Amino acid sequence: MALKDLLTKDQLHCLYHEEKLSIRKIAKKYNVTDMTVHNLMKNYQIPRRSQKEMKVSLSPNDLRLKISKEDLKELHYNQGLTQREIAKKYSVHYASICKLFKRYELKAISSGERRFRALNELTREDLNFYYIEMKMSTIEIAKTTGISHNSIIRALKHYKIRIRSKKEYSRLYHDKKLPFKLEFFKKPSKDLFYILGLWAADGNVSKNCCSIALKDKEVIEWIVNIIDYQLPIRERDLSKENPNYSISYSIGITHPDVVSIFAQYGVVKNKSLTIKFPTHIPSKYMSDFIRGVFDGDGSVSIGKERGQKVSIGGASKPFIQELSRTVGSYMKEEYKIGVSQKSRQSPYYTFQISDLNKIKQFVLWLYGDNLNNFGMERKKKKMIQLYNTNYVDRFGDIDLTLFETLTPKSTFLLGVIAAKGRIDHKRSKLTLRCSDEEKLKHVSNLLSYNNKIYQGNDNSKFISTMNAKLISLISPFLNPGNPIQPNLPERFMPYFIEGYNYLPRRFGFYVDKDELERLRPHYSNKQLAAHFCVSLSVIKSRLKTYGITKDSSI
């Protein structure tokens, strides 16, 4: 059945003009083609809608409802956007914009005309300012000037301005979008050198990245805050791999300039065995660098009753040696480094301080006079605990008044100390060593020694004290050059000699000067050694000490 049999002229007029149905919708309703409806309207002499009426009847998705002719003129002719840029702006296909130009009977600006406009609008000075001085990208220049990106490229080539390489562009792009403050690493500061010290001890460096992983989250969070780090902190639960481990927190700083700055201070790839101590660090930042190294590779141990130790270790001998010299120069002390290789492929070198007074001095150097400098919480807490600890003598309850006045008991003990004592004046330390534990216990009781008797490397036993006041009291009476001639009144000498010979000596007994002088002309050195039950070296030493020669004794 033909369409004209189904639709009268009045019905078609009503559908098209009153109900505002399009020709396509009418065709779809009666299951015919668009051309069939178009031809029927022509036969019925039904006029088509005007452009104004047609705009009102457009579907909601029609592009002409989104972009008017005036909008298109403003974007293309005044703002200089290309058809592709307009399509991107409205999130439509490029071809749709081209059709819209035809419907509005608009002519698009050609690339040649656009290039001519760009060269007229952008001078060489403008491009130098944007591209060279401001370091803007061509896309940013295009947005700023309203000229297309391609036109900016052509203008750069026309003026023979060198276009950046991909590597240069990438670096510039990352510098603008860095997740941290690059300027922090370029300006010396206390915080920078603390971070350098921490990385020297516990950090890792690869081609373009400096990373660090610690179990102390507060240190990582402090670094994040200082450098304004924008990326998330990575967490890794190491207890799943080893129950002795805990959660590890890490960050990575990726930039070639940062890697270069770290390398200036010895923090490089595979540094553990080869790193050298950076001696060119300014003196005012040296304590900050060592504070970072201490937080990375340092340790603090505190005994239950007495005894303490602060140490820094590492696998690089030159690094630990120079660190020891640097700290020693500040502490006015000479330190030796220890070495250990237990359960390790390479030796492990250690610098340590055990004197409480020196540790207190070290604490002030690291954390400042007010102890306000940042430090790893668990280590800083122990260091402050040591700083607030009162000095406890190894002879804690010794009656020091014993040596304030000379008595038979005190001169007897002075004789024991002169014969078997070893005094370290730097550390204010006194050690008494012998093989007879019972006699050593008796001397300990006389001294009111309240600590244990230690086992020596051989069969000997020893007691030890660190008491500066005790050393200052006994030193005036002793004569290191001639132990058996102390600075004592003659009436106390018998008690001194008794103490001198009380503890057994490794080589025999007391060598009397008068008897040695009497026998010297008639005995050889070997015969004298046999007579006094001492070694040959002791006889030679005593002869030299007493100034006895074969001629002088005759």
Protein backbone atom coordinates (compact mmCIF):
# COMPACT_ATOMS: atom_id res chain seq x y z
CA MET A 1 0.00 0.00 0.00
CA ALA A 2 1.40 3.39 -0.99
CA LEU A 3 2.13 6.06 1.60
CA LYS A 4 -0.38 8.47 0.03
CA ASP A 5 -3.13 5.95 0.77
CA LEU A 6 -2.13 5.98 4.47
CA LEU A 7 -1.45 9.70 4.88
CA THR A 8 -3.63 12.52 3.64
CA LYS A 9 -2.24 15.99 3.06
CA ASP A 10 -3.76 17.30 6.29
CA GLN A 11 -2.35 14.42 8.32
CA LEU A 12 1.18 14.87 6.90
CA HIS A 13 0.98 18.62 7.47
CA CYS A 14 -0.06 18.07 11.06
CA LEU A 15 2.80 15.63 11.73
CA TYR A 16 5.45 17.85 10.18
CA HIS A 17 4.39 21.40 11.16
CA GLU A 18 2.30 20.98 14.27
CA GLU A 19 3.91 17.94 15.97
CA LYS A 20 7.34 19.04 14.67
CA LEU A 21 8.36 15.53 13.60
CA SER A 22 11.28 15.30 11.25
CA ILE A 23 11.04 13.62 7.84
CA ARG A 24 13.15 10.73 9.18
CA LYS A 25 10.85 10.17 12.18
CA ILE A 26 7.76 10.21 9.95
CA ALA A 27 9.43 7.69 7.62
CA LYS A 28 10.33 5.47 10.51
CA LYS A 29 6.78 5.62 11.89
CA TYR A 30 5.29 4.34 8.60
CA ASN A 31 8.23 2.05 7.78
CA VAL A 32 9.21 3.84 4.57
CA THR A 33 12.31 5.64 3.34
CA ASP A 34 13.07 9.31 3.97
CA MET A 35 12.86 9.99 0.24
CA THR A 36 9.33 8.60 0.09
CA VAL A 37 8.17 11.10 2.72
CA HIS A 38 10.14 13.88 1.01
CA ASN A 39 8.48 13.14 -2.38
CA LEU A 40 4.98 12.95 -0.84
CA MET A 41 5.46 16.36 0.81
CA LYS A 42 6.53 17.71 -2.58
CA ASN A 43 3.41 16.25 -4.25
CA TYR A 44 1.16 17.70 -1.51
CA GLN A 45 3.03 21.01 -1.87
CA ILE A 46 3.72 21.07 1.89
CA PRO A 47 6.47 23.69 2.51
CA ARG A 48 9.64 22.75 4.42
CA ARG A 49 10.34 24.34 7.79
CA SER A 50 12.47 27.50 7.91
CA GLN A 51 16.03 27.52 9.41
CA LYS A 52 14.67 29.11 12.58
CA GLU A 53 11.96 26.50 12.95
CA MET A 54 14.46 23.74 12.18
CA LYS A 55 16.82 24.88 14.99
CA VAL A 56 14.00 24.59 17.49
CA SER A 57 13.23 21.09 16.32
CA LEU A 58 16.81 19.80 16.48
CA SER A 59 17.49 16.71 18.59
CA PRO A 60 19.13 17.25 22.01
CA ASN A 61 22.40 15.70 20.76
CA ASP A 62 22.71 17.90 17.69
CA LEU A 63 26.06 19.75 17.68
CA ARG A 64 24.41 22.94 16.49
CA LEU A 65 22.77 23.25 19.89
CA LYS A 66 26.19 23.14 21.59
CA ILE A 67 28.13 25.42 19.23
CA SER A 68 26.53 28.39 17.61
CA LYS A 69 27.88 30.11 14.52
CA GLU A 70 29.04 33.04 16.64
CA ASP A 71 30.87 30.71 19.05
CA LEU A 72 32.61 29.02 16.14
CA LYS A 73 33.71 32.37 14.71
CA GLU A 74 35.08 33.49 18.11
CA LEU A 75 37.04 30.28 18.65
CA HIS A 76 38.43 29.96 15.13
CA TYR A 77 38.94 33.50 13.89
CA ASN A 78 39.55 35.48 17.07
CA GLN A 79 41.15 32.94 19.44
CA GLY A 80 42.99 31.14 16.64
CA LEU A 81 41.93 27.57 17.54
CA THR A 82 42.17 25.03 14.75
CA GLN A 83 39.29 22.73 13.85
CA ARG A 84 41.01 19.87 15.69
CA GLU A 85 41.52 22.00 18.77
CA ILE A 86 37.84 23.01 18.74
CA ALA A 87 36.87 19.34 18.39
CA LYS A 88 39.05 18.48 21.38
CA LYS A 89 37.56 21.34 23.39
CA TYR A 90 34.01 20.01 22.91
CA SER A 91 35.04 16.31 22.99
CA VAL A 92 33.67 15.60 19.51
CA HIS A 93 35.17 14.17 16.35
CA TYR A 94 37.19 16.38 14.04
CA ALA A 95 34.90 15.49 11.11
CA SER A 96 31.85 16.77 13.05
CA ILE A 97 33.46 20.21 13.35
CA CYS A 98 34.30 20.20 9.63
CA LYS A 99 30.61 19.48 8.80
CA LEU A 100 29.52 22.22 11.19
CA PHE A 101 31.72 24.70 9.31
CA LYS A 102 29.98 23.71 6.05
CA ARG A 103 26.50 24.01 7.59
CA TYR A 104 27.30 27.47 8.90
CA GLU A 105 28.96 28.29 5.55
CA LEU A 106 32.19 29.25 7.28
CA LYS A 107 35.65 28.97 5.69
CA ALA A 108 38.44 27.48 7.82
CA ILE A 109 41.77 29.32 8.02
CA SER A 110 44.42 27.50 5.99
CA SER A 111 47.73 26.36 7.50
CA GLY A 112 49.61 28.81 5.30
CA GLU A 113 47.50 31.73 6.50
CA ARG A 114 47.85 30.53 10.09
CA ARG A 115 51.62 30.31 9.75
CA PHE A 116 51.69 33.83 8.31
CA ARG A 117 49.64 35.11 11.26
CA ALA A 118 51.90 33.31 13.79
CA LEU A 119 55.03 34.91 12.36
CA ASN A 120 53.38 38.33 12.44
CA GLU A 121 52.14 37.91 16.00
CA LEU A 122 55.23 36.22 17.49
CA THR A 123 58.58 37.94 17.16
CA ARG A 124 61.96 36.34 17.83
CA GLU A 125 62.13 38.26 21.12
CA ASP A 126 58.76 36.86 22.22
CA LEU A 127 59.82 33.29 21.50
CA ASN A 128 63.18 33.77 23.25
CA PHE A 129 61.35 35.07 26.30
CA TYR A 130 58.79 32.24 26.45
CA TYR A 131 60.93 29.34 25.26
CA ILE A 132 64.45 30.17 26.50
CA GLU A 133 64.06 32.43 29.52
CA MET A 134 60.75 31.16 30.96
CA LYS A 135 61.51 27.58 29.82
CA MET A 136 57.91 27.12 28.67
CA SER A 137 56.97 24.20 26.45
CA THR A 138 55.53 24.81 22.97
CA ILE A 139 52.12 23.66 24.26
CA GLU A 140 52.27 26.19 27.11
CA ILE A 141 53.29 28.95 24.67
CA ALA A 142 50.36 27.99 22.42
CA LYS A 143 47.91 28.27 25.33
CA THR A 144 49.40 31.59 26.44
CA THR A 145 49.44 33.25 23.01
CA GLY A 146 46.33 31.62 21.51
CA ILE A 147 48.39 30.35 18.56
CA SER A 148 48.32 26.68 17.63
CA HIS A 149 51.04 24.33 18.80
CA ASN A 150 52.13 23.53 15.23
CA SER A 151 52.43 27.23 14.43
CA ILE A 152 54.73 27.68 17.44
CA ILE A 153 56.94 24.86 16.17
CA ARG A 154 57.07 26.41 12.70
CA ALA A 155 57.92 29.81 14.19
CA LEU A 156 60.81 28.31 16.18
CA LYS A 157 62.17 26.72 13.02
CA HIS A 158 61.67 29.91 11.02
CA TYR A 159 63.68 31.93 13.57
CA LYS A 160 66.26 29.10 13.84
CA ILE A 161 65.77 28.71 17.60
CA ARG A 162 67.06 25.27 18.65
CA ILE A 163 64.20 23.00 19.68
CA ARG A 164 64.80 20.95 22.84
CA SER A 165 65.64 17.27 22.56
CA LYS A 166 63.36 14.64 24.10
CA LYS A 167 65.81 14.21 26.98
CA GLU A 168 65.90 17.94 27.67
CA TYR A 169 62.12 18.18 27.48
CA SER A 170 61.71 15.19 29.80
CA ARG A 171 64.06 16.68 32.38
CA LEU A 172 62.34 20.07 32.19
CA TYR A 173 58.94 18.40 32.49
CA HIS A 174 59.98 16.39 35.56
CA ASP A 175 61.61 19.43 37.17
CA LYS A 176 58.30 21.27 36.98
CA LYS A 177 56.38 18.30 38.37
CA LEU A 178 58.94 17.02 40.90
CA PRO A 179 57.39 15.35 43.99
CA PHE A 180 59.99 17.02 46.24
CA LYS A 181 61.90 20.29 46.66
CA LEU A 182 64.99 20.07 44.46
CA GLU A 183 66.32 23.37 45.84
CA PHE A 184 66.67 21.75 49.29
CA PHE A 185 69.53 19.58 47.99
CA LYS A 186 71.33 22.51 46.36
CA LYS A 187 71.63 24.68 49.48
CA PRO A 188 73.88 23.51 52.39
CA SER A 189 72.02 23.12 55.68
CA LYS A 190 72.05 21.10 58.90
CA ASP A 191 69.15 18.97 57.64
CA LEU A 192 70.83 18.28 54.28
CA PHE A 193 74.04 17.00 55.88
CA TYR A 194 72.07 14.87 58.35
CA ILE A 195 70.29 13.26 55.36
CA LEU A 196 73.65 12.80 53.57
CA GLY A 197 75.06 11.05 56.66
CA LEU A 198 71.98 8.85 56.93
CA TRP A 199 72.28 7.88 53.25
CA ALA A 200 76.03 7.25 53.63
CA ALA A 201 75.21 4.67 56.31
CA ASP A 202 71.90 3.11 55.25
CA GLY A 203 70.92 4.53 51.86
CA ASN A 204 71.01 3.06 48.37
CA VAL A 205 71.94 4.81 45.12
CA SER A 206 71.17 3.59 41.60
CA LYS A 207 71.51 5.27 38.22
CA ASN A 208 69.08 8.15 38.80
CA CYS A 209 67.49 7.30 42.15
CA CYS A 210 68.49 7.63 45.81
CA SER A 211 66.37 5.41 48.05
CA ILE A 212 66.37 4.52 51.73
CA ALA A 213 64.50 1.95 53.83
CA LEU A 214 64.26 2.06 57.64
CA LYS A 215 62.12 0.44 60.33
CA ASP A 216 61.93 3.81 62.12
CA LYS A 217 58.93 5.43 60.46
CA GLU A 218 59.39 8.77 62.25
CA VAL A 219 62.73 9.29 60.46
CA ILE A 220 61.17 8.65 57.04
CA GLU A 221 58.26 10.95 57.90
CA TRP A 222 60.71 13.66 58.99
CA ILE A 223 62.56 13.43 55.65
CA VAL A 224 59.22 13.53 53.78
CA ASN A 225 58.26 16.70 55.64
CA ILE A 226 61.66 18.40 55.19
CA ILE A 227 61.91 17.84 51.42
CA ASP A 228 58.13 18.22 50.83
CA TYR A 229 57.93 14.69 49.37
CA GLN A 230 54.58 14.21 47.56
CA LEU A 231 54.64 10.46 46.85
CA PRO A 232 53.34 7.86 49.32
CA ILE A 233 55.72 6.11 51.74
CA ARG A 234 56.17 2.47 50.71
CA GLU A 235 55.65 -0.18 53.39
CA ARG A 236 56.98 -3.73 53.32
CA ASP A 237 56.31 -6.33 56.00
CA LEU A 238 59.61 -8.22 56.29
CA SER A 239 58.37 -10.33 59.22
CA LYS A 240 56.74 -12.67 56.70
CA GLU A 241 60.18 -13.48 55.31
CA ASN A 242 62.01 -13.48 58.63
CA PRO A 243 60.29 -13.33 62.07
CA ASN A 244 63.23 -11.30 63.43
CA TYR A 245 62.47 -8.46 61.01
CA SER A 246 59.70 -5.84 61.20
CA ILE A 247 57.92 -3.48 58.81
CA SER A 248 60.24 -1.46 56.57
CA TYR A 249 59.37 2.07 55.39
CA SER A 250 61.05 3.47 52.28
CA ILE A 251 61.08 6.39 49.87
CA GLY A 252 62.92 7.07 46.60
CA ILE A 253 64.23 10.41 45.28
CA THR A 254 64.63 10.26 41.51
CA HIS A 255 66.65 13.05 39.88
CA PRO A 256 70.13 13.14 38.29
CA ASP A 257 71.04 16.35 40.15
CA VAL A 258 70.35 14.71 43.52
CA VAL A 259 72.46 11.69 42.55
CA SER A 260 75.27 14.06 41.51
CA ILE A 261 75.11 15.98 44.81
CA PHE A 262 75.20 12.74 46.82
CA ALA A 263 78.20 11.55 44.79
CA GLN A 264 80.16 14.68 45.79
CA TYR A 265 80.10 13.36 49.37
CA GLY A 266 80.95 9.76 48.55
CA VAL A 267 77.37 8.42 48.53
CA VAL A 268 77.46 6.41 45.31
CA LYS A 269 76.31 3.07 43.93
CA ASN A 270 77.72 -0.04 45.69
CA LYS A 271 79.36 2.14 48.35
CA SER A 272 79.37 -0.21 51.37
CA LEU A 273 82.97 -1.46 51.03
CA THR A 274 84.52 1.54 49.27
CA ILE A 275 82.91 4.72 50.64
CA LYS A 276 85.37 7.33 51.91
CA PHE A 277 84.69 9.88 54.59
CA PRO A 278 83.97 13.33 53.04
CA THR A 279 86.54 15.55 54.78
CA HIS A 280 85.49 18.65 52.78
CA ILE A 281 82.22 19.03 54.71
CA PRO A 282 82.12 22.50 56.38
CA SER A 283 83.05 22.21 60.06
CA LYS A 284 79.73 23.68 61.22
CA TYR A 285 77.87 20.80 59.51
CA MET A 286 80.26 17.98 60.48
CA SER A 287 78.32 17.01 63.61
CA ASP A 288 75.09 16.86 61.56
CA PHE A 289 76.67 14.49 59.04
CA ILE A 290 78.00 12.22 61.82
CA ARG A 291 74.58 12.36 63.55
CA GLY A 292 73.09 10.95 60.32
CA VAL A 293 75.77 8.24 60.13
CA PHE A 294 75.12 7.37 63.79
CA ASP A 295 71.36 7.04 63.19
CA GLY A 296 72.09 4.76 60.25
CA ASP A 297 74.95 2.56 61.52
CA GLY A 298 75.40 3.54 65.18
CA SER A 299 74.39 1.76 68.38
CA VAL A 300 74.03 2.56 72.08
CA SER A 301 74.35 -0.01 74.87
CA ILE A 302 73.72 0.66 78.55
CA GLY A 303 74.58 -1.87 81.29
CA LYS A 304 72.06 -2.81 83.97
CA GLU A 305 74.19 -1.43 86.81
CA ARG A 306 77.15 0.29 85.16
CA GLY A 307 78.98 0.40 81.88
CA GLN A 308 78.01 2.01 78.58
CA LYS A 309 79.16 2.12 74.98
CA VAL A 310 78.40 4.26 71.93
CA SER A 311 79.67 2.87 68.64
CA ILE A 312 79.51 3.40 64.87
CA GLY A 313 80.38 0.57 62.51
CA GLY A 314 80.86 -0.04 58.81
CA ALA A 315 82.49 -2.27 56.22
CA SER A 316 84.69 0.53 54.83
CA LYS A 317 87.90 0.83 56.85
CA PRO A 318 88.95 4.26 55.43
CA PHE A 319 85.52 5.69 56.29
CA ILE A 320 85.55 4.49 59.92
CA GLN A 321 89.21 5.50 60.37
CA GLU A 322 88.59 9.06 59.19
CA LEU A 323 85.37 9.27 61.22
CA SER A 324 87.37 8.18 64.29
CA ARG A 325 90.01 10.87 63.63
CA THR A 326 87.32 13.53 63.07
CA VAL A 327 85.49 12.74 66.32
CA GLY A 328 88.82 12.38 68.15
CA SER A 329 89.96 15.84 67.03
CA TYR A 330 86.80 17.35 68.49
CA MET A 331 86.94 15.25 71.70
CA LYS A 332 90.72 15.82 72.03
CA GLU A 333 91.12 12.07 72.26
CA GLU A 334 92.78 9.43 70.12
CA TYR A 335 90.55 6.46 69.30
CA LYS A 336 91.41 3.11 67.80
CA ILE A 337 88.98 1.17 65.64
CA GLY A 338 88.02 -2.45 66.27
CA VAL A 339 87.55 -5.12 63.61
CA SER A 340 85.34 -8.19 63.49
CA GLN A 341 84.52 -10.76 60.83
CA LYS A 342 82.13 -13.08 62.61
CA SER A 343 79.44 -14.44 60.23
CA ARG A 344 80.47 -11.85 57.59
CA GLN A 345 82.12 -12.14 54.19
CA SER A 346 84.14 -8.96 54.76
CA PRO A 347 85.58 -7.36 57.94
CA TYR A 348 83.41 -5.00 59.97
CA TYR A 349 85.16 -1.99 61.51
CA THR A 350 83.91 -0.21 64.64
CA PHE A 351 84.61 3.10 66.35
CA GLN A 352 83.42 3.33 69.95
CA ILE A 353 83.37 5.56 73.05
CA SER A 354 82.88 4.00 76.49
CA ASP A 355 83.93 6.81 78.86
CA LEU A 356 80.74 8.39 80.23
CA ASN A 357 82.18 11.90 80.35
CA LYS A 358 83.29 11.64 76.71
CA ILE A 359 79.89 10.24 75.75
CA LYS A 360 78.22 13.27 77.34
CA GLN A 361 80.51 15.53 75.32
CA PHE A 362 79.65 13.54 72.17
CA VAL A 363 75.90 13.87 72.89
CA LEU A 364 76.15 17.67 73.12
CA TRP A 365 78.12 17.78 69.87
CA LEU A 366 75.52 15.72 67.99
CA TYR A 367 72.28 17.11 69.38
CA GLY A 368 73.26 20.66 70.34
CA ASP A 369 73.50 22.37 73.71
CA ASN A 370 69.72 22.14 74.18
CA LEU A 371 69.52 18.61 72.70
CA ASN A 372 67.02 19.93 70.11
CA ASN A 373 68.59 18.55 66.92
CA PHE A 374 66.56 15.83 65.22
CA GLY A 375 67.61 12.24 65.74
CA MET A 376 66.23 8.71 65.53
CA GLU A 377 63.91 8.47 68.53
CA ARG A 378 65.08 5.16 70.00
CA LYS A 379 68.78 6.11 69.78
CA LYS A 380 68.37 9.71 70.88
CA LYS A 381 66.38 8.57 73.91
CA LYS A 382 69.26 6.34 75.04
CA MET A 383 71.84 9.03 74.35
CA ILE A 384 69.92 11.56 76.47
CA GLN A 385 69.60 8.89 79.19
CA LEU A 386 73.40 8.58 79.24
CA TYR A 387 73.76 12.37 79.24
CA ASN A 388 71.57 12.57 82.36
CA THR A 389 73.37 9.69 84.10
CA ASN A 390 75.60 10.56 87.03
CA TYR A 391 79.11 9.15 86.91
CA VAL A 392 79.36 5.87 88.87
CA ASP A 393 82.86 4.76 89.90
CA ARG A 394 83.84 1.15 89.51
CA PHE A 395 84.95 1.40 93.18
CA GLY A 396 81.57 2.74 94.13
CA ASP A 397 81.84 2.46 97.92
CA ILE A 398 85.62 2.62 98.41
CA ASP A 399 86.72 4.66 101.41
CA LEU A 400 88.82 7.29 99.65
CA THR A 401 89.83 8.78 103.00
CA LEU A 402 92.04 5.68 103.31
CA PHE A 403 94.64 7.41 101.09
CA GLU A 404 94.11 10.93 102.39
CA THR A 405 96.39 10.19 105.37
CA LEU A 406 99.30 7.76 105.54
CA THR A 407 98.70 4.69 107.69
CA PRO A 408 100.26 1.22 107.77
CA LYS A 409 97.19 -0.05 105.85
CA SER A 410 97.33 2.65 103.16
CA THR A 411 101.11 2.28 102.65
CA PHE A 412 100.70 -1.50 102.41
CA LEU A 413 98.12 -0.97 99.63
CA LEU A 414 100.41 1.57 97.95
CA GLY A 415 103.08 -1.14 97.86
CA VAL A 416 100.58 -3.55 96.25
CA ILE A 417 99.66 -0.95 93.64
CA ALA A 418 103.33 -0.08 92.97
CA ALA A 419 104.17 -3.74 92.39
CA LYS A 420 101.10 -5.04 90.56
CA GLY A 421 99.06 -2.00 89.61
CA ARG A 422 98.69 -0.51 86.16
CA ILE A 423 97.47 3.07 85.94
CA ASP A 424 95.92 4.57 82.79
CA HIS A 425 95.90 8.31 83.50
CA LYS A 426 93.91 9.16 80.35
CA ARG A 427 91.01 6.99 81.42
CA SER A 428 91.65 7.35 85.18
CA LYS A 429 91.76 3.57 85.36
CA LEU A 430 93.58 1.33 87.86
CA THR A 431 94.04 -2.42 87.30
CA LEU A 432 95.51 -4.96 89.73
CA ARG A 433 96.42 -8.34 88.26
CA CYS A 434 97.92 -11.54 89.73
CA SER A 435 97.52 -15.33 89.66
CA ASP A 436 96.63 -15.81 93.36
CA GLU A 437 92.87 -15.22 93.59
CA GLU A 438 92.76 -15.51 97.42
CA LYS A 439 95.34 -12.79 97.97
CA LEU A 440 93.65 -10.65 95.33
CA LYS A 441 90.36 -11.04 97.25
CA HIS A 442 92.13 -9.94 100.45
CA VAL A 443 93.39 -6.79 98.70
CA SER A 444 89.85 -6.20 97.33
CA ASN A 445 88.45 -6.33 100.86
CA LEU A 446 91.06 -3.86 102.08
CA LEU A 447 90.02 -1.53 99.23
CA SER A 448 86.29 -2.16 99.87
CA TYR A 449 86.03 -3.32 96.26
CA ASN A 450 82.41 -4.26 95.56
CA ASN A 451 82.68 -5.61 92.03
CA LYS A 452 83.59 -9.04 90.74
CA ILE A 453 87.10 -10.36 90.10
CA TYR A 454 87.63 -10.78 86.37
CA GLN A 455 89.33 -13.62 84.53
CA GLY A 456 92.34 -12.58 82.40
CA ASN A 457 93.44 -14.00 79.06
CA ASP A 458 95.86 -16.36 80.81
CA ASN A 459 95.59 -17.88 84.30
CA SER A 460 95.67 -14.48 85.96
CA LYS A 461 92.82 -12.68 87.73
CA PHE A 462 92.32 -8.94 87.93
CA ILE A 463 90.22 -6.19 89.46
CA SER A 464 89.68 -2.85 87.77
CA THR A 465 88.37 0.58 88.67
CA MET A 466 87.85 3.91 86.92
CA ASN A 467 88.11 6.47 89.70
CA ALA A 468 89.74 9.80 88.95
CA LYS A 469 89.84 10.86 92.59
CA LEU A 470 91.57 7.63 93.66
CA ILE A 471 94.25 8.12 90.98
CA SER A 472 94.81 11.71 92.10
CA LEU A 473 95.24 10.57 95.73
CA ILE A 474 97.77 7.76 95.15
CA SER A 475 99.81 9.28 92.29
CA PRO A 476 101.89 11.69 94.49
CA PHE A 477 103.22 8.77 96.56
CA LEU A 478 104.23 6.53 93.63
CA ASN A 479 107.46 6.72 91.65
CA PRO A 480 106.89 5.19 88.19
CA GLY A 481 110.60 5.48 87.30
CA ASN A 482 111.68 3.58 90.41
CA PRO A 483 108.70 1.70 91.88
CA ILE A 484 110.55 0.53 95.03
CA GLN A 485 111.55 4.06 95.96
CA PRO A 486 108.18 5.77 96.61
CA ASN A 487 107.69 9.28 97.94
CA LEU A 488 107.06 8.07 101.49
CA PRO A 489 108.58 8.77 104.89
CA GLU A 490 111.16 6.18 105.96
CA ARG A 491 109.01 4.87 108.83
CA PHE A 492 106.35 3.64 106.37
CA MET A 493 108.78 1.80 104.08
CA PRO A 494 108.47 -1.60 105.83
CA TYR A 495 104.71 -1.59 105.23
CA PHE A 496 105.28 -0.51 101.62
CA ILE A 497 107.83 -3.32 101.03
CA GLU A 498 105.45 -5.81 102.59
CA GLY A 499 102.71 -4.74 100.20
CA TYR A 500 105.15 -4.65 97.28
CA ASN A 501 105.99 -8.33 97.84
CA TYR A 502 102.48 -9.42 98.92
CA LEU A 503 101.05 -10.43 95.56
CA PRO A 504 103.09 -13.07 93.69
CA ARG A 505 104.77 -11.79 90.58
CA ARG A 506 105.10 -13.66 87.39
CA PHE A 507 108.92 -13.63 87.50
CA GLY A 508 109.71 -13.94 91.22
CA PHE A 509 110.18 -11.60 94.15
CA TYR A 510 111.45 -8.20 95.16
CA VAL A 511 115.00 -7.31 94.04
CA ASP A 512 116.70 -5.45 96.90
CA LYS A 513 118.92 -2.60 95.73
CA ASP A 514 121.57 -2.97 98.46
CA GLU A 515 121.89 -6.71 97.91
CA LEU A 516 121.99 -6.26 94.14
CA GLU A 517 124.73 -3.63 94.50
CA ARG A 518 126.71 -5.95 96.81
CA LEU A 519 126.48 -8.99 94.49
CA ARG A 520 126.93 -7.16 91.17
CA PRO A 521 130.78 -7.23 91.10
CA HIS A 522 130.88 -10.98 91.70
CA TYR A 523 127.84 -12.27 89.75
CA SER A 524 126.94 -12.25 86.10
CA ASN A 525 123.46 -11.13 85.04
CA LYS A 526 122.32 -14.73 84.67
CA GLN A 527 123.61 -15.60 88.14
CA LEU A 528 121.83 -12.57 89.59
CA ALA A 529 118.57 -13.62 87.89
CA ALA A 530 118.91 -17.11 89.37
CA HIS A 531 119.73 -15.67 92.81
CA PHE A 532 116.67 -13.38 92.93
CA CYS A 533 114.39 -15.86 91.08
CA VAL A 534 113.57 -13.33 88.36
CA SER A 535 114.09 -13.18 84.62
CA LEU A 536 117.22 -11.81 82.97
CA SER A 537 115.21 -8.86 81.58
CA VAL A 538 114.11 -7.91 85.12
CA ILE A 539 117.76 -7.87 86.31
CA LYS A 540 118.78 -5.66 83.38
CA SER A 541 115.82 -3.36 84.06
CA ARG A 542 116.65 -3.07 87.77
CA LEU A 543 120.36 -2.41 87.09
CA LYS A 544 119.37 0.38 84.73
CA THR A 545 116.77 1.76 87.16
CA TYR A 546 119.19 1.75 90.14
CA GLY A 547 122.09 3.07 88.04
CA ILE A 548 124.35 0.14 89.04
CA THR A 549 127.30 -0.75 86.83
CA LYS A 550 130.07 -3.26 87.38
CA ASP A 551 132.62 -0.47 87.92
CA SER A 552 130.46 1.66 90.20
CA SER A 553 129.82 -1.23 92.58
CA ILE A 554 133.49 -2.00 93.22
